[in-house]
Amino acid sequence: MSRTLADLLQKAQKLKSGFSGARERLSRLRVEASSPDGLVRVVASGDKQIVSIETRPGLAADPPAEARRKLEETCNEALKKAEGLLKEEIDKTLGELGINFPGLF
């Protein structure tokens, strides 16, 4: 096998291993978002999964459309924060492997 091909395969294996570790770390990380009035709190994992949604009793007093809007906006905010963690972790993993593509993800 040529040296270039062997190097390429070795780098591919490191990349696979690096992203496997990153995926595992992201699944353990948590971010949270709360509605401005504090009636909704959402926790998401770094791999963009909703982990929990908590509501306070006062949410039931809101009209249904308003309560839905608060839930949707708070979930979206938590997922946006998780996306930020994901991008940071990808950049970190690529940097550790000597691959520098700022803003790639």
PDB file of N, CA and C in Angstrom:
ATOM      1  N   MET A   1       0.856  -1.170   0.000  1.00  0.00           N
ATOM      2  CA  MET A   1       0.000   0.000   0.000  1.00  0.00           C
ATOM      3  C   MET A   1       0.903   1.234   0.000  1.00  0.00           C
ATOM      4  N   SER A   2       0.536   2.200  -0.787  1.00  0.00           N
ATOM      5  CA  SER A   2       1.369   3.404  -0.863  1.00  0.00           C
ATOM      6  C   SER A   2       1.298   4.182   0.450  1.00  0.00           C
ATOM      7  N   ARG A   3       2.353   4.915   0.693  1.00  0.00           N
ATOM      8  CA  ARG A   3       2.453   5.703   1.931  1.00  0.00           C
ATOM      9  C   ARG A   3       1.325   6.741   2.016  1.00  0.00           C
ATOM     10  N   THR A   4       1.004   7.362   0.900  1.00  0.00           N
ATOM     11  CA  THR A   4      -0.048   8.381   0.870  1.00  0.00           C
ATOM     12  C   THR A   4      -1.398   7.770   1.231  1.00  0.00           C
ATOM     13  N   LEU A   5      -1.678   6.602   0.676  1.00  0.00           N
ATOM     14  CA  LEU A   5      -2.943   5.937   0.970  1.00  0.00           C
ATOM     15  C   LEU A   5      -2.994   5.509   2.438  1.00  0.00           C
ATOM     16  N   ALA A   6      -1.887   5.017   2.950  1.00  0.00           N
ATOM     17  CA  ALA A   6      -1.829   4.616   4.359  1.00  0.00           C
ATOM     18  C   ALA A   6      -2.053   5.824   5.269  1.00  0.00           C
ATOM     19  N   ASP A   7      -1.442   6.957   4.936  1.00  0.00           N
ATOM     20  CA  ASP A   7      -1.643   8.181   5.719  1.00  0.00           C
ATOM     21  C   ASP A   7      -3.103   8.617   5.681  1.00  0.00           C
ATOM     22  N   LEU A   8      -3.689   8.538   4.507  1.00  0.00           N
ATOM     23  CA  LEU A   8      -5.086   8.936   4.341  1.00  0.00           C
ATOM     24  C   LEU A   8      -6.005   8.038   5.176  1.00  0.00           C
ATOM     25  N   LEU A   9      -5.750   6.739   5.143  1.00  0.00           N
ATOM     26  CA  LEU A   9      -6.561   5.814   5.933  1.00  0.00           C
ATOM     27  C   LEU A   9      -6.382   6.051   7.431  1.00  0.00           C
ATOM     28  N   GLN A  10      -5.163   6.367   7.835  1.00  0.00           N
ATOM     29  CA  GLN A  10      -4.897   6.650   9.243  1.00  0.00           C
ATOM     30  C   GLN A  10      -5.634   7.917   9.682  1.00  0.00           C
ATOM     31  N   LYS A  11      -5.607   8.942   8.840  1.00  0.00           N
ATOM     32  CA  LYS A  11      -6.322  10.186   9.170  1.00  0.00           C
ATOM     33  C   LYS A  11      -7.831   9.951   9.225  1.00  0.00           C
ATOM     34  N   ALA A  12      -8.328   9.133   8.307  1.00  0.00           N
ATOM     35  CA  ALA A  12      -9.761   8.833   8.302  1.00  0.00           C
ATOM     36  C   ALA A  12     -10.158   8.113   9.591  1.00  0.00           C
ATOM     37  N   GLN A  13      -9.312   7.189  10.038  1.00  0.00           N
ATOM     38  CA  GLN A  13      -9.592   6.469  11.284  1.00  0.00           C
ATOM     39  C   GLN A  13      -9.575   7.422  12.478  1.00  0.00           C
ATOM     40  N   LYS A  14      -8.614   8.349  12.501  1.00  0.00           N
ATOM     41  CA  LYS A  14      -8.555   9.334  13.588  1.00  0.00           C
ATOM     42  C   LYS A  14      -9.802  10.217  13.575  1.00  0.00           C
ATOM     43  N   LEU A  15     -10.227  10.614  12.382  1.00  0.00           N
ATOM     44  CA  LEU A  15     -11.417  11.448  12.247  1.00  0.00           C
ATOM     45  C   LEU A  15     -12.644  10.702  12.767  1.00  0.00           C
ATOM     46  N   LYS A  16     -12.778   9.449  12.380  1.00  0.00           N
ATOM     47  CA  LYS A  16     -13.905   8.633  12.835  1.00  0.00           C
ATOM     48  C   LYS A  16     -13.885   8.501  14.356  1.00  0.00           C
ATOM     49  N   SER A  17     -12.732   8.221  14.902  1.00  0.00           N
ATOM     50  CA  SER A  17     -12.588   8.076  16.348  1.00  0.00           C
ATOM     51  C   SER A  17     -12.885   9.396  17.064  1.00  0.00           C
ATOM     52  N   GLY A  18     -12.367  10.495  16.506  1.00  0.00           N
ATOM     53  CA  GLY A  18     -12.595  11.812  17.101  1.00  0.00           C
ATOM     54  C   GLY A  18     -14.058  12.183  17.133  1.00  0.00           C
ATOM     55  N   PHE A  19     -14.766  11.920  16.043  1.00  0.00           N
ATOM     56  CA  PHE A  19     -16.180  12.265  15.999  1.00  0.00           C
ATOM     57  C   PHE A  19     -17.021  11.324  16.849  1.00  0.00           C
ATOM     58  N   SER A  20     -16.570  10.093  17.001  1.00  0.00           N
ATOM     59  CA  SER A  20     -17.274   9.169  17.885  1.00  0.00           C
ATOM     60  C   SER A  20     -17.204   9.681  19.325  1.00  0.00           C
ATOM     61  N   GLY A  21     -16.023  10.126  19.733  1.00  0.00           N
ATOM     62  CA  GLY A  21     -15.865  10.689  21.075  1.00  0.00           C
ATOM     63  C   GLY A  21     -16.659  11.967  21.243  1.00  0.00           C
ATOM     64  N   ALA A  22     -16.667  12.801  20.204  1.00  0.00           N
ATOM     65  CA  ALA A  22     -17.423  14.055  20.262  1.00  0.00           C
ATOM     66  C   ALA A  22     -18.914  13.772  20.401  1.00  0.00           C
ATOM     67  N   ARG A  23     -19.398  12.795  19.663  1.00  0.00           N
ATOM     68  CA  ARG A  23     -20.815  12.439  19.727  1.00  0.00           C
ATOM     69  C   ARG A  23     -21.184  11.994  21.146  1.00  0.00           C
ATOM     70  N   GLU A  24     -20.309  11.206  21.742  1.00  0.00           N
ATOM     71  CA  GLU A  24     -20.559  10.736  23.108  1.00  0.00           C
ATOM     72  C   GLU A  24     -20.569  11.905  24.101  1.00  0.00           C
ATOM     73  N   ARG A  25     -19.596  12.805  23.966  1.00  0.00           N
ATOM     74  CA  ARG A  25     -19.548  13.971  24.864  1.00  0.00           C
ATOM     75  C   ARG A  25     -20.792  14.837  24.695  1.00  0.00           C
ATOM     76  N   LEU A  26     -21.192  15.066  23.458  1.00  0.00           N
ATOM     77  CA  LEU A  26     -22.359  15.907  23.201  1.00  0.00           C
ATOM     78  C   LEU A  26     -23.625  15.321  23.815  1.00  0.00           C
ATOM     79  N   SER A  27     -23.755  14.018  23.770  1.00  0.00           N
ATOM     80  CA  SER A  27     -24.970  13.408  24.326  1.00  0.00           C
ATOM     81  C   SER A  27     -25.059  13.605  25.838  1.00  0.00           C
ATOM     82  N   ARG A  28     -23.922  13.851  26.495  1.00  0.00           N
ATOM     83  CA  ARG A  28     -23.923  14.066  27.948  1.00  0.00           C
ATOM     84  C   ARG A  28     -24.069  15.543  28.326  1.00  0.00           C
ATOM     85  N   LEU A  29     -23.746  16.444  27.417  1.00  0.00           N
ATOM     86  CA  LEU A  29     -23.840  17.878  27.714  1.00  0.00           C
ATOM     87  C   LEU A  29     -25.296  18.329  27.712  1.00  0.00           C
ATOM     88  N   ARG A  30     -25.596  19.328  28.525  1.00  0.00           N
ATOM     89  CA  ARG A  30     -26.959  19.849  28.613  1.00  0.00           C
ATOM     90  C   ARG A  30     -26.956  21.367  28.487  1.00  0.00           C
ATOM     91  N   VAL A  31     -27.970  21.879  27.819  1.00  0.00           N
ATOM     92  CA  VAL A  31     -28.224  23.317  27.757  1.00  0.00           C
ATOM     93  C   VAL A  31     -29.679  23.517  28.162  1.00  0.00           C
ATOM     94  N   GLU A  32     -29.983  24.719  28.618  1.00  0.00           N
ATOM     95  CA  GLU A  32     -31.374  24.977  28.976  1.00  0.00           C
ATOM     96  C   GLU A  32     -31.803  26.348  28.495  1.00  0.00           C
ATOM     97  N   ALA A  33     -33.096  26.457  28.314  1.00  0.00           N
ATOM     98  CA  ALA A  33     -33.699  27.733  27.936  1.00  0.00           C
ATOM     99  C   ALA A  33     -34.984  27.879  28.740  1.00  0.00           C
ATOM    100  N   SER A  34     -35.309  29.118  29.059  1.00  0.00           N
ATOM    101  CA  SER A  34     -36.542  29.412  29.791  1.00  0.00           C
ATOM    102  C   SER A  34     -37.302  30.499  29.057  1.00  0.00           C
ATOM    103  N   SER A  35     -38.614  30.437  29.144  1.00  0.00           N
ATOM    104  CA  SER A  35     -39.427  31.505  28.567  1.00  0.00           C
ATOM    105  C   SER A  35     -39.172  32.771  29.379  1.00  0.00           C
ATOM    106  N   PRO A  36     -39.384  33.944  28.779  1.00  0.00           N
ATOM    107  CA  PRO A  36     -39.127  35.198  29.498  1.00  0.00           C
ATOM    108  C   PRO A  36     -39.877  35.308  30.828  1.00  0.00           C
ATOM    109  N   ASP A  37     -41.070  34.740  30.896  1.00  0.00           N
ATOM    110  CA  ASP A  37     -41.841  34.827  32.145  1.00  0.00           C
ATOM    111  C   ASP A  37     -41.529  33.682  33.110  1.00  0.00           C
ATOM    112  N   GLY A  38     -40.643  32.765  32.706  1.00  0.00           N
ATOM    113  CA  GLY A  38     -40.239  31.670  33.575  1.00  0.00           C
ATOM    114  C   GLY A  38     -41.239  30.531  33.698  1.00  0.00           C
ATOM    115  N   LEU A  39     -42.286  30.544  32.889  1.00  0.00           N
ATOM    116  CA  LEU A  39     -43.304  29.500  32.997  1.00  0.00           C
ATOM    117  C   LEU A  39     -42.924  28.213  32.271  1.00  0.00           C
ATOM    118  N   VAL A  40     -41.949  28.295  31.364  1.00  0.00           N
ATOM    119  CA  VAL A  40     -41.506  27.119  30.606  1.00  0.00           C
ATOM    120  C   VAL A  40     -39.994  27.025  30.706  1.00  0.00           C
ATOM    121  N   ARG A  41     -39.504  25.816  30.957  1.00  0.00           N
ATOM    122  CA  ARG A  41     -38.061  25.551  30.992  1.00  0.00           C
ATOM    123  C   ARG A  41     -37.814  24.282  30.195  1.00  0.00           C
ATOM    124  N   VAL A  42     -36.872  24.361  29.247  1.00  0.00           N
ATOM    125  CA  VAL A  42     -36.559  23.217  28.388  1.00  0.00           C
ATOM    126  C   VAL A  42     -35.080  22.896  28.520  1.00  0.00           C
ATOM    127  N   VAL A  43     -34.781  21.612  28.645  1.00  0.00           N
ATOM    128  CA  VAL A  43     -33.401  21.134  28.681  1.00  0.00           C
ATOM    129  C   VAL A  43     -33.185  20.278  27.439  1.00  0.00           C
ATOM    130  N   ALA A  44     -32.086  20.557  26.730  1.00  0.00           N
ATOM    131  CA  ALA A  44     -31.728  19.782  25.538  1.00  0.00           C
ATOM    132  C   ALA A  44     -30.309  19.261  25.701  1.00  0.00           C
ATOM    133  N   SER A  45     -30.026  18.161  25.033  1.00  0.00           N
ATOM    134  CA  SER A  45     -28.672  17.612  25.053  1.00  0.00           C
ATOM    135  C   SER A  45     -27.855  18.267  23.943  1.00  0.00           C
ATOM    136  N   GLY A  46     -26.549  18.114  24.045  1.00  0.00           N
ATOM    137  CA  GLY A  46     -25.663  18.687  23.035  1.00  0.00           C
ATOM    138  C   GLY A  46     -25.834  18.072  21.665  1.00  0.00           C
ATOM    139  N   ASP A  47     -26.469  16.895  21.601  1.00  0.00           N
ATOM    140  CA  ASP A  47     -26.734  16.292  20.298  1.00  0.00           C
ATOM    141  C   ASP A  47     -28.156  16.599  19.818  1.00  0.00           C
ATOM    142  N   LYS A  48     -28.694  17.696  20.322  1.00  0.00           N
ATOM    143  CA  LYS A  48     -29.953  18.289  19.873  1.00  0.00           C
ATOM    144  C   LYS A  48     -31.184  17.414  20.114  1.00  0.00           C
ATOM    145  N   GLN A  49     -31.241  16.831  21.297  1.00  0.00           N
ATOM    146  CA  GLN A  49     -32.421  16.079  21.712  1.00  0.00           C
ATOM    147  C   GLN A  49     -33.046  16.797  22.905  1.00  0.00           C
ATOM    148  N   ILE A  50     -34.358  16.940  22.883  1.00  0.00           N
ATOM    149  CA  ILE A  50     -35.045  17.524  24.030  1.00  0.00           C
ATOM    150  C   ILE A  50     -35.009  16.488  25.156  1.00  0.00           C
ATOM    151  N   VAL A  51     -34.466  16.885  26.301  1.00  0.00           N
ATOM    152  CA  VAL A  51     -34.324  15.984  27.445  1.00  0.00           C
ATOM    153  C   VAL A  51     -35.504  16.146  28.400  1.00  0.00           C
ATOM    154  N   SER A  52     -35.918  17.392  28.623  1.00  0.00           N
ATOM    155  CA  SER A  52     -37.063  17.608  29.509  1.00  0.00           C
ATOM    156  C   SER A  52     -37.725  18.944  29.200  1.00  0.00           C
ATOM    157  N   ILE A  53     -39.003  18.981  29.510  1.00  0.00           N
ATOM    158  CA  ILE A  53     -39.794  20.210  29.411  1.00  0.00           C
ATOM    159  C   ILE A  53     -40.529  20.350  30.735  1.00  0.00           C
ATOM    160  N   GLU A  54     -40.298  21.468  31.398  1.00  0.00           N
ATOM    161  CA  GLU A  54     -40.978  21.736  32.666  1.00  0.00           C
ATOM    162  C   GLU A  54     -41.856  22.967  32.487  1.00  0.00           C
ATOM    163  N   THR A  55     -43.045  22.887  33.043  1.00  0.00           N
ATOM    164  CA  THR A  55     -43.941  24.043  33.004  1.00  0.00           C
ATOM    165  C   THR A  55     -44.381  24.362  34.425  1.00  0.00           C
ATOM    166  N   ARG A  56     -44.651  25.630  34.641  1.00  0.00           N
ATOM    167  CA  ARG A  56     -45.162  26.081  35.937  1.00  0.00           C
ATOM    168  C   ARG A  56     -46.684  26.178  35.824  1.00  0.00           C
ATOM    169  N   PRO A  57     -47.364  26.080  36.952  1.00  0.00           N
ATOM    170  CA  PRO A  57     -48.826  26.108  36.940  1.00  0.00           C
ATOM    171  C   PRO A  57     -49.418  27.326  36.226  1.00  0.00           C
ATOM    172  N   GLY A  58     -48.751  28.464  36.276  1.00  0.00           N
ATOM    173  CA  GLY A  58     -49.282  29.668  35.640  1.00  0.00           C
ATOM    174  C   GLY A  58     -49.458  29.549  34.137  1.00  0.00           C
ATOM    175  N   LEU A  59     -48.773  28.594  33.502  1.00  0.00           N
ATOM    176  CA  LEU A  59     -48.897  28.424  32.050  1.00  0.00           C
ATOM    177  C   LEU A  59     -50.322  28.039  31.666  1.00  0.00           C
ATOM    178  N   ALA A  60     -50.998  27.303  32.533  1.00  0.00           N
ATOM    179  CA  ALA A  60     -52.369  26.875  32.249  1.00  0.00           C
ATOM    180  C   ALA A  60     -53.330  28.058  32.181  1.00  0.00           C
ATOM    181  N   ALA A  61     -52.963  29.176  32.783  1.00  0.00           N
ATOM    182  CA  ALA A  61     -53.822  30.363  32.748  1.00  0.00           C
ATOM    183  C   ALA A  61     -53.726  31.091  31.409  1.00  0.00           C
ATOM    184  N   ASP A  62     -52.662  30.810  30.654  1.00  0.00           N
ATOM    185  CA  ASP A  62     -52.507  31.442  29.338  1.00  0.00           C
ATOM    186  C   ASP A  62     -53.484  30.826  28.344  1.00  0.00           C
ATOM    187  N   PRO A  63     -53.918  31.614  27.355  1.00  0.00           N
ATOM    188  CA  PRO A  63     -54.712  31.023  26.275  1.00  0.00           C
ATOM    189  C   PRO A  63     -53.887  29.915  25.605  1.00  0.00           C
ATOM    190  N   PRO A  64     -54.531  28.859  25.107  1.00  0.00           N
ATOM    191  CA  PRO A  64     -53.797  27.737  24.518  1.00  0.00           C
ATOM    192  C   PRO A  64     -52.777  28.142  23.446  1.00  0.00           C
ATOM    193  N   ALA A  65     -53.133  29.077  22.587  1.00  0.00           N
ATOM    194  CA  ALA A  65     -52.208  29.495  21.529  1.00  0.00           C
ATOM    195  C   ALA A  65     -50.960  30.148  22.121  1.00  0.00           C
ATOM    196  N   GLU A  66     -51.135  30.928  23.172  1.00  0.00           N
ATOM    197  CA  GLU A  66     -50.003  31.585  23.829  1.00  0.00           C
ATOM    198  C   GLU A  66     -49.112  30.554  24.525  1.00  0.00           C
ATOM    199  N   ALA A  67     -49.731  29.581  25.182  1.00  0.00           N
ATOM    200  CA  ALA A  67     -48.961  28.524  25.857  1.00  0.00           C
ATOM    201  C   ALA A  67     -48.154  27.725  24.837  1.00  0.00           C
ATOM    202  N   ARG A  68     -48.777  27.380  23.703  1.00  0.00           N
ATOM    203  CA  ARG A  68     -48.066  26.652  22.636  1.00  0.00           C
ATOM    204  C   ARG A  68     -46.895  27.465  22.119  1.00  0.00           C
ATOM    205  N   ARG A  69     -47.118  28.761  21.908  1.00  0.00           N
ATOM    206  CA  ARG A  69     -46.058  29.630  21.398  1.00  0.00           C
ATOM    207  C   ARG A  69     -44.875  29.648  22.358  1.00  0.00           C
ATOM    208  N   LYS A  70     -45.161  29.755  23.646  1.00  0.00           N
ATOM    209  CA  LYS A  70     -44.080  29.757  24.645  1.00  0.00           C
ATOM    210  C   LYS A  70     -43.305  28.441  24.616  1.00  0.00           C
ATOM    211  N   LEU A  71     -44.030  27.329  24.521  1.00  0.00           N
ATOM    212  CA  LEU A  71     -43.368  26.021  24.455  1.00  0.00           C
ATOM    213  C   LEU A  71     -42.492  25.911  23.207  1.00  0.00           C
ATOM    214  N   GLU A  72     -43.044  26.296  22.065  1.00  0.00           N
ATOM    215  CA  GLU A  72     -42.290  26.211  20.809  1.00  0.00           C
ATOM    216  C   GLU A  72     -41.046  27.091  20.838  1.00  0.00           C
ATOM    217  N   GLU A  73     -41.215  28.337  21.263  1.00  0.00           N
ATOM    218  CA  GLU A  73     -40.080  29.262  21.280  1.00  0.00           C
ATOM    219  C   GLU A  73     -38.996  28.815  22.258  1.00  0.00           C
ATOM    220  N   THR A  74     -39.410  28.287  23.393  1.00  0.00           N
ATOM    221  CA  THR A  74     -38.424  27.847  24.383  1.00  0.00           C
ATOM    222  C   THR A  74     -37.700  26.592  23.901  1.00  0.00           C
ATOM    223  N   CYS A  75     -38.420  25.673  23.277  1.00  0.00           N
ATOM    224  CA  CYS A  75     -37.771  24.490  22.689  1.00  0.00           C
ATOM    225  C   CYS A  75     -36.786  24.911  21.603  1.00  0.00           C
ATOM    226  N   ASN A  76     -37.192  25.820  20.742  1.00  0.00           N
ATOM    227  CA  ASN A  76     -36.306  26.286  19.667  1.00  0.00           C
ATOM    228  C   ASN A  76     -35.060  26.963  20.222  1.00  0.00           C
ATOM    229  N   GLU A  77     -35.211  27.725  21.286  1.00  0.00           N
ATOM    230  CA  GLU A  77     -34.060  28.390  21.901  1.00  0.00           C
ATOM    231  C   GLU A  77     -33.088  27.360  22.481  1.00  0.00           C
ATOM    232  N   ALA A  78     -33.617  26.342  23.142  1.00  0.00           N
ATOM    233  CA  ALA A  78     -32.752  25.287  23.696  1.00  0.00           C
ATOM    234  C   ALA A  78     -32.021  24.554  22.574  1.00  0.00           C
ATOM    235  N   LEU A  79     -32.720  24.260  21.486  1.00  0.00           N
ATOM    236  CA  LEU A  79     -32.081  23.565  20.362  1.00  0.00           C
ATOM    237  C   LEU A  79     -31.041  24.446  19.678  1.00  0.00           C
ATOM    238  N   LYS A  80     -31.278  25.753  19.643  1.00  0.00           N
ATOM    239  CA  LYS A  80     -30.291  26.672  19.079  1.00  0.00           C
ATOM    240  C   LYS A  80     -29.012  26.662  19.921  1.00  0.00           C
ATOM    241  N   LYS A  81     -29.175  26.645  21.232  1.00  0.00           N
ATOM    242  CA  LYS A  81     -28.006  26.566  22.116  1.00  0.00           C
ATOM    243  C   LYS A  81     -27.271  25.240  21.919  1.00  0.00           C
ATOM    244  N   ALA A  82     -28.020  24.154  21.749  1.00  0.00           N
ATOM    245  CA  ALA A  82     -27.406  22.845  21.513  1.00  0.00           C
ATOM    246  C   ALA A  82     -26.646  22.848  20.192  1.00  0.00           C
ATOM    247  N   GLU A  83     -27.184  23.501  19.192  1.00  0.00           N
ATOM    248  CA  GLU A  83     -26.504  23.624  17.893  1.00  0.00           C
ATOM    249  C   GLU A  83     -25.173  24.342  18.064  1.00  0.00           C
ATOM    250  N   GLY A  84     -25.150  25.362  18.907  1.00  0.00           N
ATOM    251  CA  GLY A  84     -23.901  26.071  19.186  1.00  0.00           C
ATOM    252  C   GLY A  84     -22.867  25.150  19.817  1.00  0.00           C
ATOM    253  N   LEU A  85     -23.307  24.305  20.763  1.00  0.00           N
ATOM    254  CA  LEU A  85     -22.394  23.330  21.374  1.00  0.00           C
ATOM    255  C   LEU A  85     -21.863  22.359  20.326  1.00  0.00           C
ATOM    256  N   LEU A  86     -22.750  21.926  19.450  1.00  0.00           N
ATOM    257  CA  LEU A  86     -22.364  20.990  18.396  1.00  0.00           C
ATOM    258  C   LEU A  86     -21.284  21.591  17.506  1.00  0.00           C
ATOM    259  N   LYS A  87     -21.480  22.831  17.097  1.00  0.00           N
ATOM    260  CA  LYS A  87     -20.488  23.502  16.250  1.00  0.00           C
ATOM    261  C   LYS A  87     -19.153  23.647  16.973  1.00  0.00           C
ATOM    262  N   GLU A  88     -19.200  24.027  18.244  1.00  0.00           N
ATOM    263  CA  GLU A  88     -17.963  24.158  19.032  1.00  0.00           C
ATOM    264  C   GLU A  88     -17.231  22.823  19.124  1.00  0.00           C
ATOM    265  N   GLU A  89     -17.976  21.762  19.355  1.00  0.00           N
ATOM    266  CA  GLU A  89     -17.366  20.436  19.511  1.00  0.00           C
ATOM    267  C   GLU A  89     -16.760  19.959  18.190  1.00  0.00           C
ATOM    268  N   ILE A  90     -17.429  20.223  17.088  1.00  0.00           N
ATOM    269  CA  ILE A  90     -16.885  19.841  15.781  1.00  0.00           C
ATOM    270  C   ILE A  90     -15.601  20.607  15.509  1.00  0.00           C
ATOM    271  N   ASP A  91     -15.618  21.915  15.737  1.00  0.00           N
ATOM    272  CA  ASP A  91     -14.408  22.721  15.527  1.00  0.00           C
ATOM    273  C   ASP A  91     -13.270  22.236  16.414  1.00  0.00           C
ATOM    274  N   LYS A  92     -13.584  21.922  17.667  1.00  0.00           N
ATOM    275  CA  LYS A  92     -12.570  21.436  18.607  1.00  0.00           C
ATOM    276  C   LYS A  92     -11.984  20.108  18.122  1.00  0.00           C
ATOM    277  N   THR A  93     -12.847  19.197  17.715  1.00  0.00           N
ATOM    278  CA  THR A  93     -12.391  17.883  17.252  1.00  0.00           C
ATOM    279  C   THR A  93     -11.537  18.015  16.002  1.00  0.00           C
ATOM    280  N   LEU A  94     -11.971  18.836  15.061  1.00  0.00           N
ATOM    281  CA  LEU A  94     -11.178  19.041  13.845  1.00  0.00           C
ATOM    282  C   LEU A  94      -9.835  19.671  14.179  1.00  0.00           C
ATOM    283  N   GLY A  95      -9.831  20.627  15.103  1.00  0.00           N
ATOM    284  CA  GLY A  95      -8.584  21.273  15.513  1.00  0.00           C
ATOM    285  C   GLY A  95      -7.614  20.287  16.137  1.00  0.00           C
ATOM    286  N   GLU A  96      -8.138  19.390  16.974  1.00  0.00           N
ATOM    287  CA  GLU A  96      -7.290  18.376  17.606  1.00  0.00           C
ATOM    288  C   GLU A  96      -6.673  17.438  16.575  1.00  0.00           C
ATOM    289  N   LEU A  97      -7.359  17.271  15.453  1.00  0.00           N
ATOM    290  CA  LEU A  97      -6.857  16.391  14.397  1.00  0.00           C
ATOM    291  C   LEU A  97      -6.006  17.149  13.382  1.00  0.00           C
ATOM    292  N   GLY A  98      -5.803  18.434  13.633  1.00  0.00           N
ATOM    293  CA  GLY A  98      -4.985  19.234  12.726  1.00  0.00           C
ATOM    294  C   GLY A  98      -5.710  19.656  11.463  1.00  0.00           C
ATOM    295  N   ILE A  99      -7.026  19.616  11.502  1.00  0.00           N
ATOM    296  CA  ILE A  99      -7.838  20.034  10.357  1.00  0.00           C
ATOM    297  C   ILE A  99      -8.481  21.356  10.737  1.00  0.00           C
ATOM    298  N   ASN A 100      -8.144  22.411  10.027  1.00  0.00           N
ATOM    299  CA  ASN A 100      -8.627  23.735  10.396  1.00  0.00           C
ATOM    300  C   ASN A 100      -9.517  24.305   9.296  1.00  0.00           C
ATOM    301  N   PHE A 101     -10.829  24.235   9.527  1.00  0.00           N
ATOM    302  CA  PHE A 101     -11.808  24.828   8.630  1.00  0.00           C
ATOM    303  C   PHE A 101     -12.763  25.674   9.455  1.00  0.00           C
ATOM    304  N   PRO A 102     -12.329  26.861   9.913  1.00  0.00           N
ATOM    305  CA  PRO A 102     -13.208  27.683  10.750  1.00  0.00           C
ATOM    306  C   PRO A 102     -14.517  27.998  10.034  1.00  0.00           C
ATOM    307  N   GLY A 103     -15.589  27.872  10.776  1.00  0.00           N
ATOM    308  CA  GLY A 103     -16.900  28.202  10.228  1.00  0.00           C
ATOM    309  C   GLY A 103     -17.458  27.160   9.281  1.00  0.00           C
ATOM    310  N   LEU A 104     -16.801  25.998   9.178  1.00  0.00           N
ATOM    311  CA  LEU A 104     -17.276  24.956   8.272  1.00  0.00           C
ATOM    312  C   LEU A 104     -18.658  24.480   8.680  1.00  0.00           C
ATOM    313  N   PHE A 105     -18.887  24.392   9.991  1.00  0.00           N
ATOM    314  CA  PHE A 105     -20.179  23.889  10.471  1.00  0.00           C
ATOM    315  C   PHE A 105     -20.911  24.947  11.215  1.00  0.00           C
TER     316      PHE A 105
END
